[in-house]
Amino acid sequence: MAETTKYLGIDYETLEKLSADERQRLIDEAREKALHDYNTIKQYYTEKGIELGIKLSYKENFEKGFAQGIQEGRELVRQVFRLYMDGKSPDEIAEACQLTEDKVREILEGILEG
C-alpha cells in the first residue's frame, strides 16, 4: 500500500505539475492573444488616423489652393484691365501677363460685357 501511495503521490505530483503547466500555457496564450489584438487595433487606428489626416490636409490644402487660385485670377484680371486702360494691345498684354492673346480677349470681353 505504501508503494501504491508512493506511486499515487508521484502521479498526483505529475498531474499537479501538468495542470500548473497547462494553466500557465493558457495564461501565456491569453497574454499573447491580448498583445496581438492590441497591436492589430493600434495598427488599424494608426492607419485610419493617417488616412484621415491626409484627407483633412488634402481638403484644407485644396481649399487654400482654390482660394489662392481665385485671388491670383482676380489679380491677373486687374492687371489685364490696367494694361488695357493704359492703351496696351492684346498682344502686349498677353506677353506681359504670360497669357495667350485669346485668353486676354476672353478676359477683356468678360470685363467689358459684364
N, C-alpha and C. Protein backbone atom coordinates (compact mmCIF):
# COMPACT_ATOMS: atom_id res chain seq x y z
N MET A 1 0.82 -1.19 0.00
CA MET A 1 0.00 0.00 0.00
C MET A 1 0.86 1.25 0.00
N ALA A 2 1.98 1.19 0.70
CA ALA A 2 2.88 2.33 0.74
C ALA A 2 3.39 2.63 -0.66
N GLU A 3 3.69 1.54 -1.42
CA GLU A 3 4.16 1.77 -2.78
C GLU A 3 3.06 2.39 -3.62
N THR A 4 1.83 1.93 -3.44
CA THR A 4 0.71 2.48 -4.18
C THR A 4 0.57 3.95 -3.83
N THR A 5 0.65 4.25 -2.57
CA THR A 5 0.56 5.63 -2.14
C THR A 5 1.74 6.41 -2.71
N LYS A 6 2.91 5.73 -2.69
CA LYS A 6 4.10 6.37 -3.25
C LYS A 6 3.87 6.67 -4.73
N TYR A 7 3.35 5.66 -5.47
CA TYR A 7 3.10 5.87 -6.89
C TYR A 7 1.98 6.89 -7.11
N LEU A 8 0.99 6.83 -6.26
CA LEU A 8 -0.10 7.80 -6.36
C LEU A 8 0.43 9.20 -6.10
N GLY A 9 1.34 9.29 -5.14
CA GLY A 9 1.93 10.57 -4.83
C GLY A 9 2.68 11.12 -6.02
N ILE A 10 3.43 10.27 -6.69
CA ILE A 10 4.16 10.70 -7.86
C ILE A 10 3.18 11.10 -8.96
N ASP A 11 2.17 10.25 -9.13
CA ASP A 11 1.17 10.55 -10.15
C ASP A 11 0.46 11.86 -9.82
N TYR A 12 0.16 12.05 -8.57
CA TYR A 12 -0.53 13.26 -8.17
C TYR A 12 0.35 14.49 -8.41
N GLU A 13 1.62 14.37 -8.06
CA GLU A 13 2.57 15.48 -8.28
C GLU A 13 2.72 15.77 -9.78
N THR A 14 2.79 14.70 -10.58
CA THR A 14 2.90 14.87 -12.02
C THR A 14 1.66 15.56 -12.58
N LEU A 15 0.50 15.10 -12.14
CA LEU A 15 -0.75 15.72 -12.58
C LEU A 15 -0.82 17.17 -12.14
N GLU A 16 -0.38 17.42 -10.93
CA GLU A 16 -0.40 18.79 -10.41
C GLU A 16 0.53 19.68 -11.25
N LYS A 17 1.72 19.15 -11.60
CA LYS A 17 2.67 19.91 -12.41
C LYS A 17 2.12 20.12 -13.81
N LEU A 18 1.54 19.09 -14.41
CA LEU A 18 0.94 19.22 -15.74
C LEU A 18 -0.19 20.23 -15.72
N SER A 19 -0.98 20.17 -14.67
CA SER A 19 -2.09 21.10 -14.53
C SER A 19 -1.58 22.54 -14.42
N ALA A 20 -0.54 22.73 -13.63
CA ALA A 20 0.06 24.07 -13.49
C ALA A 20 0.64 24.52 -14.82
N ASP A 21 1.31 23.60 -15.52
CA ASP A 21 1.86 23.93 -16.83
C ASP A 21 0.74 24.31 -17.80
N GLU A 22 -0.36 23.59 -17.76
CA GLU A 22 -1.50 23.87 -18.65
C GLU A 22 -2.08 25.23 -18.32
N ARG A 23 -2.23 25.53 -17.04
CA ARG A 23 -2.73 26.85 -16.63
C ARG A 23 -1.80 27.95 -17.13
N GLN A 24 -0.49 27.72 -16.94
CA GLN A 24 0.48 28.72 -17.38
C GLN A 24 0.43 28.89 -18.90
N ARG A 25 0.29 27.77 -19.62
CA ARG A 25 0.19 27.83 -21.08
C ARG A 25 -1.03 28.63 -21.50
N LEU A 26 -2.18 28.41 -20.82
CA LEU A 26 -3.40 29.16 -21.14
C LEU A 26 -3.22 30.64 -20.83
N ILE A 27 -2.56 30.93 -19.72
CA ILE A 27 -2.29 32.33 -19.36
C ILE A 27 -1.38 32.97 -20.42
N ASP A 28 -0.33 32.23 -20.81
CA ASP A 28 0.59 32.75 -21.84
C ASP A 28 -0.13 32.97 -23.16
N GLU A 29 -0.98 32.03 -23.55
CA GLU A 29 -1.74 32.17 -24.79
C GLU A 29 -2.68 33.37 -24.73
N ALA A 30 -3.34 33.55 -23.60
CA ALA A 30 -4.25 34.68 -23.44
C ALA A 30 -3.48 36.00 -23.51
N ARG A 31 -2.31 36.04 -22.88
CA ARG A 31 -1.48 37.23 -22.91
C ARG A 31 -1.02 37.52 -24.34
N GLU A 32 -0.59 36.46 -25.04
CA GLU A 32 -0.13 36.59 -26.42
C GLU A 32 -1.27 37.09 -27.32
N LYS A 33 -2.47 36.55 -27.14
CA LYS A 33 -3.63 36.96 -27.93
C LYS A 33 -3.97 38.42 -27.64
N ALA A 34 -3.96 38.80 -26.37
CA ALA A 34 -4.27 40.18 -26.00
C ALA A 34 -3.24 41.14 -26.62
N LEU A 35 -1.97 40.76 -26.59
CA LEU A 35 -0.93 41.59 -27.17
C LEU A 35 -1.12 41.71 -28.68
N HIS A 36 -1.43 40.59 -29.32
CA HIS A 36 -1.67 40.60 -30.77
C HIS A 36 -2.87 41.48 -31.10
N ASP A 37 -3.96 41.33 -30.34
CA ASP A 37 -5.16 42.14 -30.57
C ASP A 37 -4.85 43.62 -30.39
N TYR A 38 -4.11 43.95 -29.34
CA TYR A 38 -3.74 45.33 -29.08
C TYR A 38 -2.95 45.91 -30.25
N ASN A 39 -1.95 45.15 -30.71
CA ASN A 39 -1.12 45.63 -31.83
C ASN A 39 -1.93 45.76 -33.12
N THR A 40 -2.85 44.83 -33.35
CA THR A 40 -3.70 44.90 -34.53
C THR A 40 -4.59 46.13 -34.47
N ILE A 41 -5.21 46.36 -33.34
CA ILE A 41 -6.09 47.52 -33.17
C ILE A 41 -5.28 48.82 -33.28
N LYS A 42 -4.12 48.84 -32.66
CA LYS A 42 -3.27 50.02 -32.72
C LYS A 42 -2.88 50.32 -34.17
N GLN A 43 -2.48 49.29 -34.91
CA GLN A 43 -2.10 49.46 -36.31
C GLN A 43 -3.28 49.96 -37.13
N TYR A 44 -4.45 49.38 -36.92
CA TYR A 44 -5.66 49.76 -37.66
C TYR A 44 -5.97 51.23 -37.44
N TYR A 45 -6.00 51.65 -36.18
CA TYR A 45 -6.36 53.04 -35.90
C TYR A 45 -5.25 54.02 -36.27
N THR A 46 -4.01 53.56 -36.24
CA THR A 46 -2.92 54.40 -36.72
C THR A 46 -3.11 54.67 -38.21
N GLU A 47 -3.39 53.61 -38.96
CA GLU A 47 -3.62 53.76 -40.41
C GLU A 47 -4.83 54.64 -40.68
N LYS A 48 -5.91 54.44 -39.92
CA LYS A 48 -7.11 55.27 -40.10
C LYS A 48 -6.81 56.72 -39.76
N GLY A 49 -6.02 56.95 -38.72
CA GLY A 49 -5.64 58.31 -38.34
C GLY A 49 -4.82 58.98 -39.43
N ILE A 50 -3.89 58.24 -39.99
CA ILE A 50 -3.07 58.79 -41.08
C ILE A 50 -3.95 59.10 -42.28
N GLU A 51 -4.85 58.16 -42.59
CA GLU A 51 -5.77 58.35 -43.72
C GLU A 51 -6.63 59.60 -43.52
N LEU A 52 -7.17 59.75 -42.32
CA LEU A 52 -7.99 60.92 -42.02
C LEU A 52 -7.16 62.20 -42.08
N GLY A 53 -5.95 62.13 -41.55
CA GLY A 53 -5.06 63.30 -41.60
C GLY A 53 -4.77 63.72 -43.03
N ILE A 54 -4.54 62.74 -43.89
CA ILE A 54 -4.28 63.05 -45.30
C ILE A 54 -5.51 63.69 -45.93
N LYS A 55 -6.69 63.12 -45.65
CA LYS A 55 -7.92 63.68 -46.22
C LYS A 55 -8.14 65.11 -45.74
N LEU A 56 -7.97 65.34 -44.45
CA LEU A 56 -8.16 66.69 -43.92
C LEU A 56 -7.13 67.65 -44.48
N SER A 57 -5.90 67.19 -44.56
CA SER A 57 -4.85 68.03 -45.12
C SER A 57 -5.14 68.33 -46.58
N TYR A 58 -5.56 67.30 -47.32
CA TYR A 58 -5.88 67.50 -48.73
C TYR A 58 -7.01 68.50 -48.87
N LYS A 59 -8.05 68.32 -48.05
CA LYS A 59 -9.20 69.23 -48.12
C LYS A 59 -8.76 70.65 -47.77
N GLU A 60 -8.00 70.77 -46.69
CA GLU A 60 -7.53 72.08 -46.25
C GLU A 60 -6.65 72.71 -47.33
N ASN A 61 -5.73 71.92 -47.87
CA ASN A 61 -4.84 72.45 -48.90
C ASN A 61 -5.61 72.76 -50.18
N PHE A 62 -6.61 71.92 -50.51
CA PHE A 62 -7.42 72.17 -51.68
C PHE A 62 -8.15 73.50 -51.52
N GLU A 63 -8.75 73.69 -50.35
CA GLU A 63 -9.49 74.94 -50.10
C GLU A 63 -8.54 76.14 -50.15
N LYS A 64 -7.36 76.01 -49.56
CA LYS A 64 -6.38 77.09 -49.60
C LYS A 64 -5.94 77.34 -51.04
N GLY A 65 -5.67 76.25 -51.77
CA GLY A 65 -5.25 76.37 -53.16
C GLY A 65 -6.32 76.99 -54.02
N PHE A 66 -7.57 76.61 -53.78
CA PHE A 66 -8.70 77.16 -54.52
C PHE A 66 -8.82 78.65 -54.25
N ALA A 67 -8.75 79.03 -52.98
CA ALA A 67 -8.84 80.45 -52.61
C ALA A 67 -7.66 81.23 -53.20
N GLN A 68 -6.47 80.63 -53.15
CA GLN A 68 -5.30 81.30 -53.72
C GLN A 68 -5.46 81.45 -55.24
N GLY A 69 -6.02 80.42 -55.89
CA GLY A 69 -6.25 80.48 -57.34
C GLY A 69 -7.22 81.58 -57.71
N ILE A 70 -8.27 81.72 -56.92
CA ILE A 70 -9.24 82.78 -57.17
C ILE A 70 -8.57 84.15 -57.01
N GLN A 71 -7.78 84.28 -55.95
CA GLN A 71 -7.09 85.55 -55.70
C GLN A 71 -6.13 85.88 -56.84
N GLU A 72 -5.35 84.89 -57.25
CA GLU A 72 -4.40 85.12 -58.34
C GLU A 72 -5.14 85.45 -59.65
N GLY A 73 -6.27 84.78 -59.86
CA GLY A 73 -7.07 85.06 -61.06
C GLY A 73 -7.59 86.48 -61.05
N ARG A 74 -8.06 86.94 -59.89
CA ARG A 74 -8.55 88.32 -59.78
C ARG A 74 -7.43 89.32 -60.06
N GLU A 75 -6.26 89.02 -59.49
CA GLU A 75 -5.12 89.92 -59.70
C GLU A 75 -4.73 89.96 -61.18
N LEU A 76 -4.79 88.81 -61.84
CA LEU A 76 -4.45 88.75 -63.26
C LEU A 76 -5.47 89.55 -64.09
N VAL A 77 -6.75 89.42 -63.75
CA VAL A 77 -7.79 90.19 -64.46
C VAL A 77 -7.55 91.68 -64.25
N ARG A 78 -7.22 92.08 -63.03
CA ARG A 78 -6.93 93.50 -62.76
C ARG A 78 -5.74 93.98 -63.57
N GLN A 79 -4.70 93.14 -63.64
CA GLN A 79 -3.51 93.51 -64.39
C GLN A 79 -3.84 93.65 -65.88
N VAL A 80 -4.62 92.71 -66.41
CA VAL A 80 -5.01 92.79 -67.82
C VAL A 80 -5.79 94.08 -68.06
N PHE A 81 -6.73 94.38 -67.17
CA PHE A 81 -7.56 95.58 -67.32
C PHE A 81 -6.72 96.85 -67.23
N ARG A 82 -5.77 96.91 -66.27
CA ARG A 82 -4.90 98.08 -66.14
C ARG A 82 -4.08 98.31 -67.40
N LEU A 83 -3.51 97.22 -67.91
CA LEU A 83 -2.72 97.35 -69.13
C LEU A 83 -3.60 97.78 -70.31
N TYR A 84 -4.82 97.27 -70.36
CA TYR A 84 -5.76 97.66 -71.42
C TYR A 84 -6.09 99.15 -71.30
N MET A 85 -6.33 99.62 -70.07
CA MET A 85 -6.65 101.03 -69.84
C MET A 85 -5.43 101.93 -70.13
N ASP A 86 -4.22 101.37 -70.02
CA ASP A 86 -3.00 102.11 -70.36
C ASP A 86 -2.76 102.14 -71.87
N GLY A 87 -3.66 101.50 -72.62
CA GLY A 87 -3.56 101.54 -74.08
C GLY A 87 -2.74 100.42 -74.69
N LYS A 88 -2.43 99.38 -73.93
CA LYS A 88 -1.66 98.27 -74.46
C LYS A 88 -2.55 97.40 -75.36
N SER A 89 -1.93 96.80 -76.36
CA SER A 89 -2.65 95.91 -77.27
C SER A 89 -2.80 94.52 -76.63
N PRO A 90 -3.76 93.72 -77.09
CA PRO A 90 -3.90 92.36 -76.57
C PRO A 90 -2.60 91.56 -76.67
N ASP A 91 -1.84 91.78 -77.73
CA ASP A 91 -0.56 91.09 -77.89
C ASP A 91 0.42 91.49 -76.79
N GLU A 92 0.50 92.79 -76.51
CA GLU A 92 1.40 93.28 -75.46
C GLU A 92 0.95 92.80 -74.08
N ILE A 93 -0.36 92.83 -73.87
CA ILE A 93 -0.91 92.36 -72.58
C ILE A 93 -0.62 90.88 -72.40
N ALA A 94 -0.81 90.09 -73.46
CA ALA A 94 -0.56 88.65 -73.40
C ALA A 94 0.89 88.37 -73.02
N GLU A 95 1.80 89.10 -73.63
CA GLU A 95 3.22 88.91 -73.34
C GLU A 95 3.54 89.30 -71.90
N ALA A 96 3.01 90.43 -71.44
CA ALA A 96 3.29 90.91 -70.08
C ALA A 96 2.70 89.98 -69.01
N CYS A 97 1.56 89.40 -69.32
CA CYS A 97 0.86 88.56 -68.32
C CYS A 97 1.10 87.07 -68.52
N GLN A 98 1.89 86.74 -69.53
CA GLN A 98 2.19 85.35 -69.87
C GLN A 98 0.90 84.56 -70.15
N LEU A 99 0.06 85.16 -71.00
CA LEU A 99 -1.20 84.55 -71.42
C LEU A 99 -1.21 84.48 -72.94
N THR A 100 -2.19 83.76 -73.46
CA THR A 100 -2.38 83.78 -74.91
C THR A 100 -3.23 85.01 -75.24
N GLU A 101 -3.15 85.43 -76.49
CA GLU A 101 -3.98 86.57 -76.91
C GLU A 101 -5.46 86.22 -76.78
N ASP A 102 -5.81 84.98 -77.08
CA ASP A 102 -7.21 84.56 -76.94
C ASP A 102 -7.69 84.70 -75.49
N LYS A 103 -6.84 84.33 -74.56
CA LYS A 103 -7.22 84.43 -73.15
C LYS A 103 -7.37 85.90 -72.76
N VAL A 104 -6.50 86.75 -73.24
CA VAL A 104 -6.59 88.19 -72.95
C VAL A 104 -7.91 88.72 -73.51
N ARG A 105 -8.24 88.37 -74.73
CA ARG A 105 -9.50 88.83 -75.33
C ARG A 105 -10.70 88.31 -74.53
N GLU A 106 -10.62 87.05 -74.08
CA GLU A 106 -11.71 86.47 -73.29
C GLU A 106 -11.89 87.25 -71.99
N ILE A 107 -10.80 87.59 -71.33
CA ILE A 107 -10.86 88.37 -70.07
C ILE A 107 -11.45 89.76 -70.36
N LEU A 108 -10.96 90.40 -71.39
CA LEU A 108 -11.44 91.75 -71.72
C LEU A 108 -12.91 91.73 -72.09
N GLU A 109 -13.34 90.72 -72.84
CA GLU A 109 -14.77 90.62 -73.20
C GLU A 109 -15.61 90.44 -71.95
N GLY A 110 -15.11 89.62 -71.00
CA GLY A 110 -15.84 89.41 -69.76
C GLY A 110 -15.96 90.68 -68.95
N ILE A 111 -14.89 91.49 -68.94
CA ILE A 111 -14.89 92.75 -68.18
C ILE A 111 -15.81 93.76 -68.87
N LEU A 112 -15.62 93.91 -70.16
CA LEU A 112 -16.34 94.95 -70.88
C LEU A 112 -17.84 94.63 -71.04
N GLU A 113 -18.18 93.34 -71.12
CA GLU A 113 -19.59 92.95 -71.24
C GLU A 113 -20.27 92.92 -69.88
N GLY A 114 -19.49 92.59 -68.84
CA GLY A 114 -20.05 92.40 -67.51
C GLY A 114 -20.41 93.65 -66.85
